[in-house]
Amino acid sequence: MPTMVLTGVHLSLAGNVLNEHTKKCEVAVEVEEKDVTTYISNGWKLVIGGLKSGNLGLEFLNDFAATKLDSIMWPLLGTVVPFEVRPTQAAVSTSNPKYTGDVLVKEWQPISGSVGDEASVGVSYPTSGAVIRATA
């Protein structure tokens, strides 16, 4: 069985490649569960899929230098921006699909941590519209 260790995920947010700051990246999609059980269901619950939604979870190592992470993310707060995620930084292929869509940048924590901690930022952005998987 093929396995993979994530060592070089590609992340682009609003056209900014943020690989050098990204410590963790998660693309999650789900479908609402809709109960359509009726009295003739023979005692079993019946469900169908409803609306789809997604989420982009990220953990960054922050950088406050000019043109670095904090200066990129701050103006994006409250906007819907495009994203692209790939398992590796190699070209898109059947073994390195890209996931694209738009996310709402709904939060930013420029400073978070205790004495001696790295300056990390954990965020979770909901998708707005479809998440697309492509291999070419």
C-alpha atoms as a PDB file:
ATOM      1  CA  MET A   1       0.000   0.000   0.000  1.00  0.00           C
ATOM      2  CA  PRO A   2       1.465   3.392  -0.970  1.00  0.00           C
ATOM      3  CA  THR A   3       1.957   5.819   1.892  1.00  0.00           C
ATOM      4  CA  MET A   4       3.155   9.377   2.086  1.00  0.00           C
ATOM      5  CA  VAL A   5       4.771  11.636   4.633  1.00  0.00           C
ATOM      6  CA  LEU A   6       3.909  15.306   4.212  1.00  0.00           C
ATOM      7  CA  THR A   7       7.198  17.173   4.018  1.00  0.00           C
ATOM      8  CA  GLY A   8       6.544  19.964   1.527  1.00  0.00           C
ATOM      9  CA  VAL A   9       2.875  20.915   1.171  1.00  0.00           C
ATOM     10  CA  HIS A  10       2.216  23.754  -1.270  1.00  0.00           C
ATOM     11  CA  LEU A  11      -0.108  26.480   0.072  1.00  0.00           C
ATOM     12  CA  SER A  12      -1.192  29.547  -1.826  1.00  0.00           C
ATOM     13  CA  LEU A  13      -3.625  32.025  -0.268  1.00  0.00           C
ATOM     14  CA  ALA A  14      -4.806  35.076  -2.222  1.00  0.00           C
ATOM     15  CA  GLY A  15      -1.965  34.457  -4.679  1.00  0.00           C
ATOM     16  CA  ASN A  16       0.699  34.397  -1.942  1.00  0.00           C
ATOM     17  CA  VAL A  17       2.753  31.205  -1.682  1.00  0.00           C
ATOM     18  CA  LEU A  18       3.071  30.674   2.074  1.00  0.00           C
ATOM     19  CA  ASN A  19       5.084  27.418   2.235  1.00  0.00           C
ATOM     20  CA  GLU A  20       7.930  28.953   4.237  1.00  0.00           C
ATOM     21  CA  HIS A  21       5.505  29.898   7.048  1.00  0.00           C
ATOM     22  CA  THR A  22       3.183  26.866   7.000  1.00  0.00           C
ATOM     23  CA  LYS A  23       3.569  24.274   9.738  1.00  0.00           C
ATOM     24  CA  LYS A  24       0.238  22.456   9.304  1.00  0.00           C
ATOM     25  CA  CYS A  25      -2.382  22.358   6.560  1.00  0.00           C
ATOM     26  CA  GLU A  26      -5.748  20.589   6.492  1.00  0.00           C
ATOM     27  CA  VAL A  27      -8.364  20.620   3.743  1.00  0.00           C
ATOM     28  CA  ALA A  28     -11.640  19.151   4.994  1.00  0.00           C
ATOM     29  CA  VAL A  29     -14.918  18.750   3.131  1.00  0.00           C
ATOM     30  CA  GLU A  30     -18.211  17.332   4.310  1.00  0.00           C
ATOM     31  CA  VAL A  31     -21.824  16.847   3.313  1.00  0.00           C
ATOM     32  CA  GLU A  32     -24.801  17.630   5.543  1.00  0.00           C
ATOM     33  CA  GLU A  33     -26.743  14.588   6.675  1.00  0.00           C
ATOM     34  CA  LYS A  34     -30.476  14.961   5.956  1.00  0.00           C
ATOM     35  CA  ASP A  35     -32.913  12.614   7.681  1.00  0.00           C
ATOM     36  CA  VAL A  36     -35.613  11.423   5.263  1.00  0.00           C
ATOM     37  CA  THR A  37     -37.016   8.679   7.484  1.00  0.00           C
ATOM     38  CA  THR A  38     -40.739   8.000   7.068  1.00  0.00           C
ATOM     39  CA  TYR A  39     -43.187   5.683   8.759  1.00  0.00           C
ATOM     40  CA  ILE A  40     -42.532   3.027   6.118  1.00  0.00           C
ATOM     41  CA  SER A  41     -38.776   2.809   6.820  1.00  0.00           C
ATOM     42  CA  ASN A  42     -39.164  -0.474   8.753  1.00  0.00           C
ATOM     43  CA  GLY A  43     -37.532   0.959  11.866  1.00  0.00           C
ATOM     44  CA  TRP A  44     -34.365   2.071  10.067  1.00  0.00           C
ATOM     45  CA  LYS A  45     -33.212   5.651   9.714  1.00  0.00           C
ATOM     46  CA  LEU A  46     -32.835   6.839   6.105  1.00  0.00           C
ATOM     47  CA  VAL A  47     -30.408   9.636   5.241  1.00  0.00           C
ATOM     48  CA  ILE A  48     -29.322  11.492   2.118  1.00  0.00           C
ATOM     49  CA  GLY A  49     -26.604  14.041   1.477  1.00  0.00           C
ATOM     50  CA  GLY A  50     -27.432  17.739   1.614  1.00  0.00           C
ATOM     51  CA  LEU A  51     -25.261  20.796   1.119  1.00  0.00           C
ATOM     52  CA  LYS A  52     -21.486  20.416   0.908  1.00  0.00           C
ATOM     53  CA  SER A  53     -19.081  22.588   2.873  1.00  0.00           C
ATOM     54  CA  GLY A  54     -15.377  22.781   3.480  1.00  0.00           C
ATOM     55  CA  ASN A  55     -12.739  24.173   5.763  1.00  0.00           C
ATOM     56  CA  LEU A  56      -9.076  25.112   5.439  1.00  0.00           C
ATOM     57  CA  GLY A  57      -7.212  24.652   8.732  1.00  0.00           C
ATOM     58  CA  LEU A  58      -3.737  26.150   8.955  1.00  0.00           C
ATOM     59  CA  GLU A  59      -0.934  26.587  11.439  1.00  0.00           C
ATOM     60  CA  PHE A  60       1.704  29.163  10.649  1.00  0.00           C
ATOM     61  CA  LEU A  61       4.983  30.260  12.172  1.00  0.00           C
ATOM     62  CA  ASN A  62       4.449  34.000  12.206  1.00  0.00           C
ATOM     63  CA  ASP A  63       6.869  36.540  10.782  1.00  0.00           C
ATOM     64  CA  PHE A  64       6.420  40.275  11.354  1.00  0.00           C
ATOM     65  CA  ALA A  65       9.070  41.477   8.894  1.00  0.00           C
ATOM     66  CA  ALA A  66       7.948  43.717   6.038  1.00  0.00           C
ATOM     67  CA  THR A  67       6.345  41.693   3.192  1.00  0.00           C
ATOM     68  CA  LYS A  68       6.186  38.558   5.386  1.00  0.00           C
ATOM     69  CA  LEU A  69       3.243  36.633   6.860  1.00  0.00           C
ATOM     70  CA  ASP A  70       1.638  39.169   9.220  1.00  0.00           C
ATOM     71  CA  SER A  71       1.753  41.938   6.604  1.00  0.00           C
ATOM     72  CA  ILE A  72       0.168  39.557   4.046  1.00  0.00           C
ATOM     73  CA  MET A  73      -2.603  38.232   6.300  1.00  0.00           C
ATOM     74  CA  TRP A  74      -3.691  41.434   8.052  1.00  0.00           C
ATOM     75  CA  PRO A  75      -5.287  43.104   4.984  1.00  0.00           C
ATOM     76  CA  LEU A  76      -7.050  39.830   4.038  1.00  0.00           C
ATOM     77  CA  LEU A  77      -9.101  39.773   7.263  1.00  0.00           C
ATOM     78  CA  GLY A  78     -12.814  39.748   6.410  1.00  0.00           C
ATOM     79  CA  THR A  79     -12.339  38.998   2.714  1.00  0.00           C
ATOM     80  CA  VAL A  80     -13.003  35.955   0.550  1.00  0.00           C
ATOM     81  CA  VAL A  81      -9.818  34.884  -1.220  1.00  0.00           C
ATOM     82  CA  PRO A  82      -8.704  31.985  -3.451  1.00  0.00           C
ATOM     83  CA  PHE A  83      -6.592  29.124  -2.102  1.00  0.00           C
ATOM     84  CA  GLU A  84      -4.623  26.235  -3.584  1.00  0.00           C
ATOM     85  CA  VAL A  85      -3.218  23.281  -1.660  1.00  0.00           C
ATOM     86  CA  ARG A  86      -1.110  20.411  -3.028  1.00  0.00           C
ATOM     87  CA  PRO A  87       0.456  17.498  -1.094  1.00  0.00           C
ATOM     88  CA  THR A  88       3.889  18.462  -2.449  1.00  0.00           C
ATOM     89  CA  GLN A  89       5.440  21.477  -4.134  1.00  0.00           C
ATOM     90  CA  ALA A  90       5.839  19.504  -7.371  1.00  0.00           C
ATOM     91  CA  ALA A  91       3.679  20.112 -10.419  1.00  0.00           C
ATOM     92  CA  VAL A  92       0.042  19.042 -10.335  1.00  0.00           C
ATOM     93  CA  SER A  93      -0.416  15.417 -11.425  1.00  0.00           C
ATOM     94  CA  THR A  94      -2.483  12.320 -10.677  1.00  0.00           C
ATOM     95  CA  SER A  95      -0.171  11.638  -7.731  1.00  0.00           C
ATOM     96  CA  ASN A  96      -0.084  15.317  -6.631  1.00  0.00           C
ATOM     97  CA  PRO A  97      -3.634  16.682  -6.983  1.00  0.00           C
ATOM     98  CA  LYS A  98      -4.468  20.280  -6.234  1.00  0.00           C
ATOM     99  CA  TYR A  99      -7.438  21.407  -4.181  1.00  0.00           C
ATOM    100  CA  THR A 100      -8.686  24.906  -4.961  1.00  0.00           C
ATOM    101  CA  GLY A 101     -11.517  27.170  -3.978  1.00  0.00           C
ATOM    102  CA  ASP A 102     -12.247  30.304  -1.991  1.00  0.00           C
ATOM    103  CA  VAL A 103     -12.136  30.821   1.783  1.00  0.00           C
ATOM    104  CA  LEU A 104     -13.360  33.527   4.138  1.00  0.00           C
ATOM    105  CA  VAL A 105     -10.421  34.886   6.126  1.00  0.00           C
ATOM    106  CA  LYS A 106     -12.488  35.260   9.272  1.00  0.00           C
ATOM    107  CA  GLU A 107      -9.752  35.382  11.911  1.00  0.00           C
ATOM    108  CA  TRP A 108      -6.134  36.257  12.515  1.00  0.00           C
ATOM    109  CA  GLN A 109      -4.179  35.940  15.765  1.00  0.00           C
ATOM    110  CA  PRO A 110      -0.994  37.913  15.241  1.00  0.00           C
ATOM    111  CA  ILE A 111       0.250  37.279  18.783  1.00  0.00           C
ATOM    112  CA  SER A 112      -0.497  34.092  20.725  1.00  0.00           C
ATOM    113  CA  GLY A 113       1.650  32.088  23.104  1.00  0.00           C
ATOM    114  CA  SER A 114       3.455  31.877  26.406  1.00  0.00           C
ATOM    115  CA  VAL A 115       6.994  32.755  27.397  1.00  0.00           C
ATOM    116  CA  GLY A 116       9.408  30.720  25.317  1.00  0.00           C
ATOM    117  CA  ASP A 117       6.839  29.602  22.701  1.00  0.00           C
ATOM    118  CA  GLU A 118       7.390  29.965  18.987  1.00  0.00           C
ATOM    119  CA  ALA A 119       5.230  32.687  17.419  1.00  0.00           C
ATOM    120  CA  SER A 120       2.660  30.349  15.890  1.00  0.00           C
ATOM    121  CA  VAL A 121      -0.815  31.132  14.567  1.00  0.00           C
ATOM    122  CA  GLY A 122      -3.624  28.584  14.210  1.00  0.00           C
ATOM    123  CA  VAL A 123      -6.568  29.531  11.994  1.00  0.00           C
ATOM    124  CA  SER A 124      -9.607  27.865  10.452  1.00  0.00           C
ATOM    125  CA  TYR A 125     -11.245  29.317   7.344  1.00  0.00           C
ATOM    126  CA  PRO A 126     -14.603  28.143   5.927  1.00  0.00           C
ATOM    127  CA  THR A 127     -14.815  27.632   2.197  1.00  0.00           C
ATOM    128  CA  SER A 128     -17.147  29.808   0.137  1.00  0.00           C
ATOM    129  CA  GLY A 129     -18.444  27.802  -2.814  1.00  0.00           C
ATOM    130  CA  ALA A 130     -17.046  24.618  -4.276  1.00  0.00           C
ATOM    131  CA  VAL A 131     -13.746  22.946  -3.455  1.00  0.00           C
ATOM    132  CA  ILE A 132     -12.302  21.551  -6.673  1.00  0.00           C
ATOM    133  CA  ARG A 133      -9.892  18.630  -6.996  1.00  0.00           C
ATOM    134  CA  ALA A 134      -7.787  18.629 -10.160  1.00  0.00           C
ATOM    135  CA  THR A 135      -4.952  16.466 -11.466  1.00  0.00           C
ATOM    136  CA  ALA A 136      -3.930  18.537 -14.488  1.00  0.00           C
END
